[in-house]
Amino acid sequence: MTEIESHVKKFQKELSTGTVSLVLLAVLSQAGEPMYGYQIAKRLERNGEGFLSGKQSALYPVLRNLDGAGLLASEVEPSVAGPPRRYYRITPLGQQVLEDWVQQWNTARDFVDTVLQERNP
């Protein structure tokens, strides 16, 4: 791995760490029904253009943390084909936090976009 690739990989990891919780809350807010981890991962994979490729397992600790913080609620239900599945849904608190996080994201994104547009190539 080249030095540049190493820096890019580190940046991608830091960026991903800061956005996965926001994205998970948004997906569950839009879903309108409880979803299990694999469903969420597939939706993100479809919409994410490789953002989380190969990192599906990284979603589960974040889902558990959001659940533990009261932003998600979960229930385990039996599955017809395979082990039981844990279904997640966004809570009212999670919905409120999501709204605040979206505002923070928009502010940060606009700031970064402004700075990047002003840089000299």
Protein backbone atom coordinates (compact mmCIF):
# COMPACT_ATOMS: atom_id res chain seq x y z
CA MET A 1 0.00 0.00 0.00
CA THR A 2 1.38 3.39 -0.96
CA GLU A 3 1.56 6.28 1.48
CA ILE A 4 -1.25 8.06 -0.35
CA GLU A 5 -3.48 4.97 -0.23
CA SER A 6 -2.79 4.69 3.49
CA HIS A 7 -3.87 8.30 4.06
CA VAL A 8 -6.98 7.83 1.95
CA LYS A 9 -7.93 4.67 3.83
CA LYS A 10 -7.45 6.42 7.20
CA PHE A 11 -9.58 9.38 6.06
CA GLN A 12 -12.33 7.05 4.79
CA LYS A 13 -12.39 5.25 8.14
CA GLU A 14 -12.62 8.51 10.11
CA LEU A 15 -15.35 9.84 7.83
CA SER A 16 -17.30 6.59 8.03
CA THR A 17 -17.07 6.49 11.82
CA GLY A 18 -18.63 9.92 12.06
CA THR A 19 -21.51 9.30 9.67
CA VAL A 20 -22.71 5.72 10.18
CA SER A 21 -24.96 6.58 13.15
CA LEU A 22 -26.57 9.42 11.20
CA VAL A 23 -27.16 7.18 8.18
CA LEU A 24 -28.59 4.33 10.27
CA LEU A 25 -31.08 6.63 11.99
CA ALA A 26 -32.07 8.12 8.62
CA VAL A 27 -32.63 4.70 7.02
CA LEU A 28 -34.79 3.53 9.91
CA SER A 29 -36.72 6.81 9.95
CA GLN A 30 -37.50 6.48 6.24
CA ALA A 31 -38.32 2.77 6.44
CA GLY A 32 -41.55 3.22 8.36
CA GLU A 33 -41.24 -0.33 9.70
CA PRO A 34 -38.70 -2.25 11.78
CA MET A 35 -35.73 -3.66 9.88
CA TYR A 36 -33.08 -6.21 10.77
CA GLY A 37 -29.36 -5.63 10.32
CA TYR A 38 -28.92 -7.42 7.02
CA GLN A 39 -31.85 -5.50 5.47
CA ILE A 40 -30.30 -2.22 6.61
CA ALA A 41 -26.88 -3.22 5.26
CA LYS A 42 -28.39 -4.17 1.88
CA ARG A 43 -30.24 -0.85 1.65
CA LEU A 44 -27.04 1.04 2.44
CA GLU A 45 -25.10 -1.06 -0.05
CA ARG A 46 -27.67 -0.27 -2.74
CA ASN A 47 -27.63 3.46 -2.04
CA GLY A 48 -24.09 3.91 -0.77
CA GLU A 49 -21.98 3.46 -3.91
CA GLY A 50 -19.38 1.47 -2.00
CA PHE A 51 -19.32 3.70 1.08
CA LEU A 52 -19.74 0.70 3.39
CA SER A 53 -18.60 -2.05 1.06
CA GLY A 54 -17.23 -4.99 3.00
CA LYS A 55 -18.06 -3.34 6.32
CA GLN A 56 -21.52 -4.73 7.04
CA SER A 57 -20.35 -6.25 10.31
CA ALA A 58 -19.33 -2.76 11.48
CA LEU A 59 -23.02 -1.76 11.50
CA TYR A 60 -24.00 -4.12 14.30
CA PRO A 61 -22.01 -2.47 17.12
CA VAL A 62 -23.39 0.91 16.01
CA LEU A 63 -26.95 -0.45 16.00
CA ARG A 64 -26.40 -1.83 19.52
CA ASN A 65 -24.99 1.51 20.70
CA LEU A 66 -27.95 3.43 19.25
CA ASP A 67 -30.30 0.91 20.87
CA GLY A 68 -28.52 1.28 24.21
CA ALA A 69 -28.73 5.06 23.97
CA GLY A 70 -32.51 4.89 23.47
CA LEU A 71 -32.38 6.18 19.89
CA LEU A 72 -33.48 2.80 18.55
CA ALA A 73 -35.61 0.06 20.02
CA SER A 74 -35.18 -3.57 19.08
CA GLU A 75 -37.01 -6.86 19.33
CA VAL A 76 -35.88 -10.37 18.51
CA GLU A 77 -38.28 -12.34 16.35
CA PRO A 78 -38.04 -15.93 15.13
CA SER A 79 -37.09 -16.46 11.52
CA VAL A 80 -38.60 -19.06 9.20
CA ALA A 81 -35.22 -19.63 7.57
CA GLY A 82 -32.37 -19.45 10.05
CA PRO A 83 -31.68 -17.96 13.45
CA PRO A 84 -33.90 -15.34 15.11
CA ARG A 85 -33.50 -11.78 13.83
CA ARG A 86 -33.21 -8.56 15.80
CA TYR A 87 -35.45 -5.90 14.30
CA TYR A 88 -34.69 -2.22 14.92
CA ARG A 89 -36.97 0.80 14.78
CA ILE A 90 -36.28 4.43 15.50
CA THR A 91 -37.71 5.82 18.74
CA PRO A 92 -39.28 9.27 19.21
CA LEU A 93 -36.03 10.36 20.90
CA GLY A 94 -34.09 8.95 17.95
CA GLN A 95 -36.28 10.94 15.56
CA GLN A 96 -35.58 14.16 17.49
CA VAL A 97 -31.86 13.46 17.62
CA LEU A 98 -31.87 12.66 13.90
CA GLU A 99 -33.38 16.08 13.15
CA ASP A 100 -30.64 17.79 15.18
CA TRP A 101 -27.90 15.67 13.59
CA VAL A 102 -29.20 16.50 10.11
CA GLN A 103 -28.94 20.21 10.91
CA GLN A 104 -25.40 19.71 12.22
CA TRP A 105 -24.49 17.65 9.14
CA ASN A 106 -25.86 20.31 6.77
CA THR A 107 -23.92 23.05 8.55
CA ALA A 108 -20.68 21.04 8.48
CA ARG A 109 -21.20 19.97 4.85
CA ASP A 110 -21.86 23.53 3.72
CA PHE A 111 -18.76 24.77 5.57
CA VAL A 112 -16.52 22.06 4.07
CA ASP A 113 -17.96 22.64 0.59
CA THR A 114 -17.28 26.38 0.89
CA VAL A 115 -13.69 25.85 2.02
CA LEU A 116 -13.03 23.26 -0.70
CA GLN A 117 -14.46 25.51 -3.42
CA GLU A 118 -12.15 28.34 -2.35
CA ARG A 119 -8.94 26.31 -2.45
CA ASN A 120 -6.45 26.83 -5.27
CA PRO A 121 -6.01 23.79 -7.54
